[in-house]
Amino acid sequence: MDIEEQGGQLPQELIDNIVDLLSSSPTDWRTCALVSGSWVNAAQAHIFREVAFHSEPRRSNERLWSRFHETLLASPHLIRHVRHLAVDPHMLSIDTFIVVCNFPFTHLNGLIIKNIILSRRTAIALQQLLSLPTFDLVDLGCQFTQPSDVLAIWEHGSPSIKHVALLYTKTSDDPILPARPRNNTSPVQLESLNIVHMGPEPTKNWLIHALSPFDLSRLKALSSNCHAEILHWARLAPSLRTIDALEFSPRTMPPMIDLALLPSLTVLRISSFEAGASPIAIQTLSTLAPSSQIRRIVLAGLVVSENDRFWTKLDSIVADLQMDPTPIVELEIHPIHANLILPHLSRLRARKIVNLYSNIFSVP
């Protein structure tokens, strides 16, 4: 029997909170939508919030999109609930992918697209999608031959975009150089950028160009496989005082990163050592000064077998910092490696400022 028929109407805020607690149970959301008219909106908001077309086999994604498309066209009030979209273009036909990109989403603010091979058609479709005024985050992984296709994506990029993650695989030697400014607006002003480039030419050519689609002057978070050179880009200079989170992967070749260039840095993440890159990582950590604002040093996925000296030196560098409070060291490593590493962090462990992220191992 309907709750409202029994005079037991709950405050809408309480109903919304109850439905929110079922955030990992689509079956329960669908059940909630049948309880009462006052439960429908909250349940539908969860049911349609995240939409993904990336599972095997490909034909299942085609059917899923067809049903989803028909549902939204028949009930357009549901479109406002769609906030996050994840697509693997390999799991859809090109024609279907283009239809997805051209759908009139009204509140979409997060986009994940992986493994796309750019062509003129797909680039223009993405251009249309990224022009939506509600976007906040874009995570894009693509392979391309024509640099013009990369630039076309951002031709009408929404000024609301603040967070961008890019993985570009370049398959030609042609430079990526913007030829003209964007048609409609000023560059997209980013707060965070995660850029990984694979291929014969560094991505920096278009990121640092005066006509780049991005404004990097107010970055707060930066991750890049360009390593130390990125901090010397002229277009990045204004943001050196505003970046508070930095991730890098040490390389065997100098230079190291001078952390003194980043006075607002609070989080440093070092990940995925190249073999033999420990000295560069140590030199980077050695640039920490007592005046540093850093509060967390995160070490992720590091090679253990050849880095015993690295861990001992790390223990000494961080423990000797004349900072209050001393930065917390967080380890994101496989539990099997923990017993090999922790003995080399005796001073940090004694001060209880080491955290190991694992479900089956805890630092005593």
Protein backbone atom coordinates (compact mmCIF):
# COMPACT_ATOMS: atom_id res chain seq x y z
CA MET A 1 0.00 0.00 0.00
CA ASP A 2 1.21 3.53 -0.78
CA ILE A 3 2.75 5.21 2.26
CA GLU A 4 0.95 8.44 1.43
CA GLU A 5 -2.42 6.63 1.57
CA GLN A 6 -1.71 5.77 5.20
CA GLY A 7 -0.95 9.38 6.10
CA GLY A 8 2.66 8.53 6.66
CA GLN A 9 4.24 11.00 4.25
CA LEU A 10 7.91 11.49 5.10
CA PRO A 11 9.72 14.81 4.60
CA GLN A 12 11.18 14.90 1.08
CA GLU A 13 14.68 15.57 2.44
CA LEU A 14 14.51 12.38 4.52
CA ILE A 15 13.26 10.38 1.51
CA ASP A 16 16.15 11.68 -0.58
CA ASN A 17 18.63 10.71 2.14
CA ILE A 18 17.18 7.20 2.37
CA VAL A 19 17.54 6.70 -1.37
CA ASP A 20 21.08 8.10 -1.27
CA LEU A 21 22.08 5.34 1.15
CA LEU A 22 21.32 2.80 -1.60
CA SER A 23 23.97 4.30 -3.87
CA SER A 24 25.39 0.94 -4.99
CA SER A 25 22.14 -0.94 -5.50
CA PRO A 26 20.32 -0.24 -8.81
CA THR A 27 17.75 -2.92 -8.01
CA ASP A 28 16.82 -1.10 -4.82
CA TRP A 29 16.54 2.22 -6.68
CA ARG A 30 14.06 0.67 -9.09
CA THR A 31 12.09 -0.69 -6.15
CA CYS A 32 12.09 2.72 -4.47
CA ALA A 33 10.68 4.30 -7.62
CA LEU A 34 7.58 2.11 -7.14
CA VAL A 35 7.02 3.00 -3.46
CA SER A 36 5.37 6.37 -3.89
CA GLY A 37 5.25 9.39 -6.16
CA SER A 38 7.46 11.27 -3.70
CA TRP A 39 10.18 8.61 -4.07
CA VAL A 40 10.31 8.57 -7.87
CA ASN A 41 12.48 11.60 -8.54
CA ALA A 42 15.19 10.66 -6.03
CA ALA A 43 15.30 7.09 -7.31
CA GLN A 44 15.44 8.13 -10.96
CA ALA A 45 18.24 10.57 -10.20
CA HIS A 46 20.40 7.60 -9.15
CA ILE A 47 19.22 5.20 -11.85
CA PHE A 48 20.17 7.58 -14.67
CA ARG A 49 23.08 9.46 -13.03
CA GLU A 50 25.89 7.36 -14.52
CA VAL A 51 25.62 5.86 -17.98
CA ALA A 52 28.26 3.58 -19.48
CA PHE A 53 28.71 1.95 -22.87
CA HIS A 54 32.00 0.07 -22.62
CA SER A 55 31.33 -3.59 -21.85
CA GLU A 56 31.76 -6.67 -24.01
CA PRO A 57 30.25 -7.70 -26.36
CA ARG A 58 29.80 -4.75 -28.69
CA ARG A 59 26.25 -5.65 -29.70
CA SER A 60 25.09 -5.40 -26.08
CA ASN A 61 26.17 -1.76 -25.98
CA GLU A 62 24.28 -1.07 -29.20
CA ARG A 63 21.12 -2.55 -27.68
CA LEU A 64 21.69 -0.70 -24.40
CA TRP A 65 22.07 2.64 -26.15
CA SER A 66 18.99 1.98 -28.30
CA ARG A 67 16.84 1.30 -25.21
CA PHE A 68 18.36 4.22 -23.30
CA HIS A 69 17.85 6.56 -26.25
CA GLU A 70 14.23 5.55 -26.66
CA THR A 71 13.59 5.97 -22.93
CA LEU A 72 14.95 9.52 -22.86
CA LEU A 73 13.04 10.53 -25.98
CA ALA A 74 9.81 9.14 -24.52
CA SER A 75 10.44 10.68 -21.07
CA PRO A 76 12.56 13.81 -21.64
CA HIS A 77 12.30 14.82 -17.98
CA LEU A 78 14.83 12.03 -17.26
CA ILE A 79 17.56 13.72 -19.32
CA ARG A 80 18.35 16.11 -16.46
CA HIS A 81 19.41 13.18 -14.28
CA VAL A 82 22.23 12.06 -16.60
CA ARG A 83 25.42 13.52 -15.09
CA HIS A 84 28.26 11.12 -16.03
CA LEU A 85 28.87 9.40 -19.35
CA ALA A 86 31.51 6.72 -20.03
CA VAL A 87 32.03 5.41 -23.57
CA ASP A 88 34.49 3.07 -25.24
CA PRO A 89 34.05 3.83 -28.96
CA HIS A 90 35.33 0.35 -29.83
CA MET A 91 32.18 -1.00 -28.21
CA LEU A 92 29.88 1.06 -30.46
CA SER A 93 29.60 1.61 -34.19
CA ILE A 94 30.88 4.96 -35.43
CA ASP A 95 27.36 6.02 -36.35
CA THR A 96 26.06 5.19 -32.87
CA PHE A 97 28.98 6.98 -31.22
CA ILE A 98 28.19 10.10 -33.24
CA VAL A 99 24.54 9.90 -32.18
CA VAL A 100 25.64 9.65 -28.53
CA CYS A 101 27.86 12.73 -28.92
CA ASN A 102 25.05 14.73 -30.51
CA PHE A 103 22.38 13.83 -27.96
CA PRO A 104 21.03 16.98 -26.23
CA PHE A 105 22.16 16.24 -22.66
CA THR A 106 21.17 19.09 -20.35
CA HIS A 107 23.13 18.43 -17.14
CA LEU A 108 26.06 16.26 -18.21
CA ASN A 109 29.16 17.30 -16.25
CA GLY A 110 31.52 14.32 -16.41
CA LEU A 111 32.80 12.49 -19.50
CA ILE A 112 35.12 9.47 -19.85
CA ILE A 113 36.03 8.34 -23.36
CA LYS A 114 38.75 5.73 -23.78
CA ASN A 115 40.49 4.13 -26.76
CA ILE A 116 39.09 6.34 -29.47
CA ILE A 117 40.87 6.45 -32.83
CA LEU A 118 40.30 9.99 -33.98
CA SER A 119 39.01 10.76 -37.45
CA ARG A 120 37.48 13.94 -38.79
CA ARG A 121 33.97 12.56 -38.09
CA THR A 122 34.66 11.49 -34.51
CA ALA A 123 36.60 14.69 -33.75
CA ILE A 124 33.68 16.86 -34.89
CA ALA A 125 31.28 14.70 -32.86
CA LEU A 126 33.41 15.18 -29.76
CA GLN A 127 33.61 18.89 -30.50
CA GLN A 128 29.83 19.02 -30.38
CA LEU A 129 29.69 17.05 -27.12
CA LEU A 130 32.35 19.14 -25.36
CA SER A 131 30.53 22.34 -26.24
CA LEU A 132 27.78 21.49 -23.72
CA PRO A 133 27.74 24.29 -21.11
CA THR A 134 27.49 21.97 -18.09
CA PHE A 135 30.79 20.07 -18.36
CA ASP A 136 33.23 20.09 -15.46
CA LEU A 137 35.46 17.04 -16.04
CA VAL A 138 36.76 15.40 -19.23
CA ASP A 139 38.87 12.21 -19.27
CA LEU A 140 39.92 11.42 -22.84
CA GLY A 141 42.19 8.72 -24.23
CA CYS A 142 42.73 8.83 -27.98
CA GLN A 143 44.97 7.74 -30.84
CA PHE A 144 45.43 10.02 -33.81
CA THR A 145 47.34 10.58 -37.02
CA GLN A 146 46.16 14.06 -38.00
CA PRO A 147 47.02 16.72 -35.36
CA SER A 148 44.21 18.89 -36.70
CA ASP A 149 41.74 16.32 -35.37
CA VAL A 150 43.09 16.80 -31.84
CA LEU A 151 42.68 20.55 -32.01
CA ALA A 152 39.21 20.28 -33.57
CA ILE A 153 37.92 18.54 -30.41
CA TRP A 154 38.46 21.69 -28.36
CA GLU A 155 37.33 24.22 -30.97
CA HIS A 156 34.15 25.01 -29.00
CA GLY A 157 35.13 23.55 -25.62
CA SER A 158 32.80 24.68 -22.85
CA PRO A 159 34.23 27.34 -20.52
CA SER A 160 32.77 25.35 -17.63
CA ILE A 161 35.40 22.59 -18.10
CA LYS A 162 37.81 22.74 -15.16
CA HIS A 163 39.41 19.27 -14.95
CA VAL A 164 41.00 17.51 -17.91
CA ALA A 165 42.83 14.17 -18.15
CA LEU A 166 44.38 13.38 -21.55
CA LEU A 167 46.16 10.30 -22.82
CA TYR A 168 47.29 10.92 -26.40
CA THR A 169 48.93 8.34 -28.64
CA LYS A 170 50.43 10.03 -31.67
CA THR A 171 51.07 7.90 -34.76
CA SER A 172 52.66 10.49 -37.07
CA ASP A 173 55.59 12.91 -37.01
CA ASP A 174 53.51 15.96 -37.89
CA PRO A 175 53.69 18.69 -35.22
CA ILE A 176 50.63 19.64 -33.19
CA LEU A 177 50.59 23.40 -33.64
CA PRO A 178 47.43 25.51 -33.39
CA ALA A 179 47.06 27.64 -36.52
CA ARG A 180 44.45 30.07 -35.23
CA PRO A 181 42.54 30.96 -32.08
CA ARG A 182 39.33 29.16 -31.14
CA ASN A 183 36.34 30.52 -33.01
CA ASN A 184 34.10 31.51 -30.18
CA THR A 185 35.68 32.05 -26.77
CA SER A 186 38.89 32.45 -24.84
CA PRO A 187 40.88 29.32 -23.85
CA VAL A 188 39.36 26.89 -21.35
CA GLN A 189 40.71 27.78 -17.92
CA LEU A 190 41.76 24.60 -16.14
CA GLU A 191 42.10 23.88 -12.44
CA SER A 192 43.62 20.42 -12.93
CA LEU A 193 45.46 18.75 -15.81
CA ASN A 194 46.65 15.16 -16.15
CA ILE A 195 48.54 14.79 -19.42
CA VAL A 196 50.19 11.62 -20.71
CA HIS A 197 51.63 11.59 -24.22
CA MET A 198 52.85 8.59 -26.16
CA GLY A 199 54.40 8.91 -29.61
CA PRO A 200 57.16 10.52 -31.64
CA GLU A 201 56.67 14.12 -30.50
CA PRO A 202 56.05 15.68 -27.07
CA THR A 203 52.56 16.95 -26.41
CA LYS A 204 53.96 20.22 -25.15
CA ASN A 205 54.01 21.75 -28.64
CA TRP A 206 50.31 22.46 -28.50
CA LEU A 207 49.95 22.84 -24.75
CA ILE A 208 52.48 25.67 -24.55
CA HIS A 209 51.55 27.34 -27.82
CA ALA A 210 50.07 30.85 -27.54
CA LEU A 211 46.96 29.60 -29.35
CA SER A 212 46.49 26.53 -27.13
CA PRO A 213 42.84 25.77 -26.24
CA PHE A 214 43.78 25.68 -22.54
CA ASP A 215 44.62 28.43 -20.08
CA LEU A 216 47.06 26.89 -17.58
CA SER A 217 47.66 30.02 -15.53
CA ARG A 218 45.55 28.96 -12.53
CA LEU A 219 46.23 25.26 -12.22
CA LYS A 220 45.86 23.74 -8.78
CA ALA A 221 46.71 20.12 -9.66
CA LEU A 222 49.15 18.84 -12.28
CA SER A 223 50.21 15.37 -13.41
CA SER A 224 52.38 14.83 -16.48
CA ASN A 225 54.82 12.44 -18.08
CA CYS A 226 56.79 15.46 -19.33
CA HIS A 227 58.57 15.35 -15.95
CA ALA A 228 60.70 18.32 -14.86
CA GLU A 229 60.54 20.20 -18.15
CA ILE A 230 56.88 21.00 -17.61
CA LEU A 231 57.68 23.34 -14.71
CA HIS A 232 59.77 25.47 -17.06
CA TRP A 233 57.02 26.07 -19.63
CA ALA A 234 56.50 29.83 -19.90
CA ARG A 235 52.71 29.42 -20.10
CA LEU A 236 52.77 27.49 -16.82
CA ALA A 237 54.84 30.05 -14.91
CA PRO A 238 51.86 31.97 -13.41
CA SER A 239 50.45 28.77 -11.89
CA LEU A 240 53.63 27.70 -10.11
CA ARG A 241 52.46 29.66 -7.10
CA THR A 242 48.97 28.13 -7.15
CA ILE A 243 49.64 24.41 -7.77
CA ASP A 244 48.94 22.49 -4.55
CA ALA A 245 49.08 18.91 -5.93
CA LEU A 246 51.77 17.47 -8.21
CA GLU A 247 52.32 13.96 -9.58
CA PHE A 248 55.36 12.84 -11.54
CA SER A 249 57.15 9.67 -12.56
CA PRO A 250 60.93 9.86 -12.04
CA ARG A 251 63.17 9.31 -15.04
CA THR A 252 66.80 8.30 -15.27
CA MET A 253 67.77 11.54 -16.99
CA PRO A 254 68.07 14.87 -15.16
CA PRO A 255 66.86 17.35 -14.26
CA MET A 256 65.10 16.64 -11.03
CA ILE A 257 62.06 18.70 -10.02
CA ASP A 258 62.84 21.65 -7.78
CA LEU A 259 59.98 21.68 -5.29
CA ALA A 260 61.00 25.15 -4.15
CA LEU A 261 59.34 26.40 -7.36
CA LEU A 262 55.97 25.36 -5.91
CA PRO A 263 55.44 27.31 -2.66
CA SER A 264 51.77 26.25 -2.34
CA LEU A 265 52.39 22.53 -2.84
CA THR A 266 50.63 20.39 -0.22
CA VAL A 267 50.49 16.96 -1.95
CA LEU A 268 53.33 15.27 -3.87
CA ARG A 269 52.72 11.92 -5.59
CA ILE A 270 55.64 9.96 -7.02
CA SER A 271 54.69 6.96 -9.12
CA SER A 272 56.09 4.26 -11.40
CA PHE A 273 59.86 4.60 -11.27
CA GLU A 274 61.87 4.03 -14.41
CA ALA A 275 64.59 1.50 -13.61
CA GLY A 276 67.53 3.39 -12.14
CA ALA A 277 65.57 6.59 -11.50
CA SER A 278 65.88 6.54 -7.70
CA PRO A 279 68.63 9.21 -7.61
CA ILE A 280 66.40 11.70 -9.45
CA ALA A 281 63.54 11.03 -7.01
CA ILE A 282 65.87 11.52 -4.05
CA GLN A 283 67.24 14.76 -5.50
CA THR A 284 63.69 16.00 -5.94
CA LEU A 285 62.74 15.17 -2.36
CA SER A 286 65.93 16.84 -1.16
CA THR A 287 64.61 20.19 -2.42
CA LEU A 288 61.95 20.19 0.32
CA ALA A 289 62.61 23.07 2.71
CA PRO A 290 61.34 23.77 6.25
CA SER A 291 59.16 26.53 4.77
CA SER A 292 57.38 24.04 2.48
CA GLN A 293 53.61 23.68 2.85
CA ILE A 294 53.67 20.00 1.87
CA ARG A 295 51.50 17.74 4.01
CA ARG A 296 51.36 14.43 2.10
CA ILE A 297 53.97 12.49 0.12
CA VAL A 298 52.35 9.63 -1.76
CA LEU A 299 54.52 6.85 -3.22
CA ALA A 300 52.71 4.59 -5.66
CA GLY A 301 53.67 1.46 -7.58
CA LEU A 302 57.40 1.77 -7.03
CA VAL A 303 59.94 -0.93 -7.90
CA VAL A 304 61.12 -2.54 -4.67
CA SER A 305 63.99 -4.81 -5.62
CA GLU A 306 66.41 -2.08 -6.62
CA ASN A 307 65.29 0.70 -4.31
CA ASP A 308 66.31 -0.29 -0.77
CA ARG A 309 68.68 2.67 -0.65
CA PHE A 310 65.89 4.92 -1.87
CA TRP A 311 63.63 3.97 1.03
CA THR A 312 66.39 4.45 3.60
CA LYS A 313 67.26 7.85 2.16
CA LEU A 314 63.58 8.80 2.01
CA ASP A 315 63.24 7.89 5.69
CA SER A 316 66.15 10.16 6.53
CA ILE A 317 65.08 13.11 4.37
CA VAL A 318 61.49 13.29 5.62
CA ALA A 319 62.32 12.54 9.26
CA ASP A 320 64.94 15.32 9.27
CA LEU A 321 62.60 17.97 7.91
CA GLN A 322 62.18 20.80 10.38
CA MET A 323 58.47 21.12 9.63
CA ASP A 324 55.47 21.17 11.92
CA PRO A 325 53.67 18.99 11.23
CA THR A 326 55.99 16.59 9.45
CA PRO A 327 54.44 15.41 6.15
CA ILE A 328 52.57 12.10 6.18
CA VAL A 329 54.09 9.45 3.89
CA GLU A 330 51.47 7.28 2.18
CA LEU A 331 52.45 4.06 0.40
CA GLU A 332 50.31 2.68 -2.41
CA ILE A 333 52.03 -0.65 -2.97
CA HIS A 334 51.20 -4.31 -3.18
CA PRO A 335 51.03 -5.92 0.29
CA ILE A 336 53.65 -8.50 -0.74
CA HIS A 337 56.21 -5.68 -0.96
CA ALA A 338 55.35 -4.09 2.36
CA ASN A 339 57.57 -6.30 4.54
CA LEU A 340 60.51 -5.48 2.27
CA ILE A 341 60.01 -1.72 2.44
CA LEU A 342 58.89 -0.95 5.98
CA PRO A 343 62.15 -1.98 7.71
CA HIS A 344 63.85 0.84 5.78
CA LEU A 345 61.39 3.41 7.16
CA SER A 346 62.19 2.94 10.84
CA ARG A 347 62.28 6.63 11.78
CA LEU A 348 59.01 7.47 10.05
CA ARG A 349 57.30 4.42 11.54
CA ALA A 350 58.54 5.36 14.99
CA ARG A 351 56.88 8.74 14.57
CA LYS A 352 53.72 7.07 13.21
CA ILE A 353 53.61 9.12 10.02
CA VAL A 354 53.57 6.24 7.52
CA ASN A 355 50.28 4.98 6.11
CA LEU A 356 50.08 1.87 3.94
CA TYR A 357 47.01 1.59 1.74
CA SER A 358 46.04 -2.06 1.65
CA ASN A 359 43.09 -4.13 2.75
CA ILE A 360 45.22 -6.96 4.16
CA PHE A 361 48.19 -5.20 5.71
CA SER A 362 48.44 -2.45 8.29
CA VAL A 363 51.44 -0.62 9.67
CA PRO A 364 51.89 -1.46 13.33
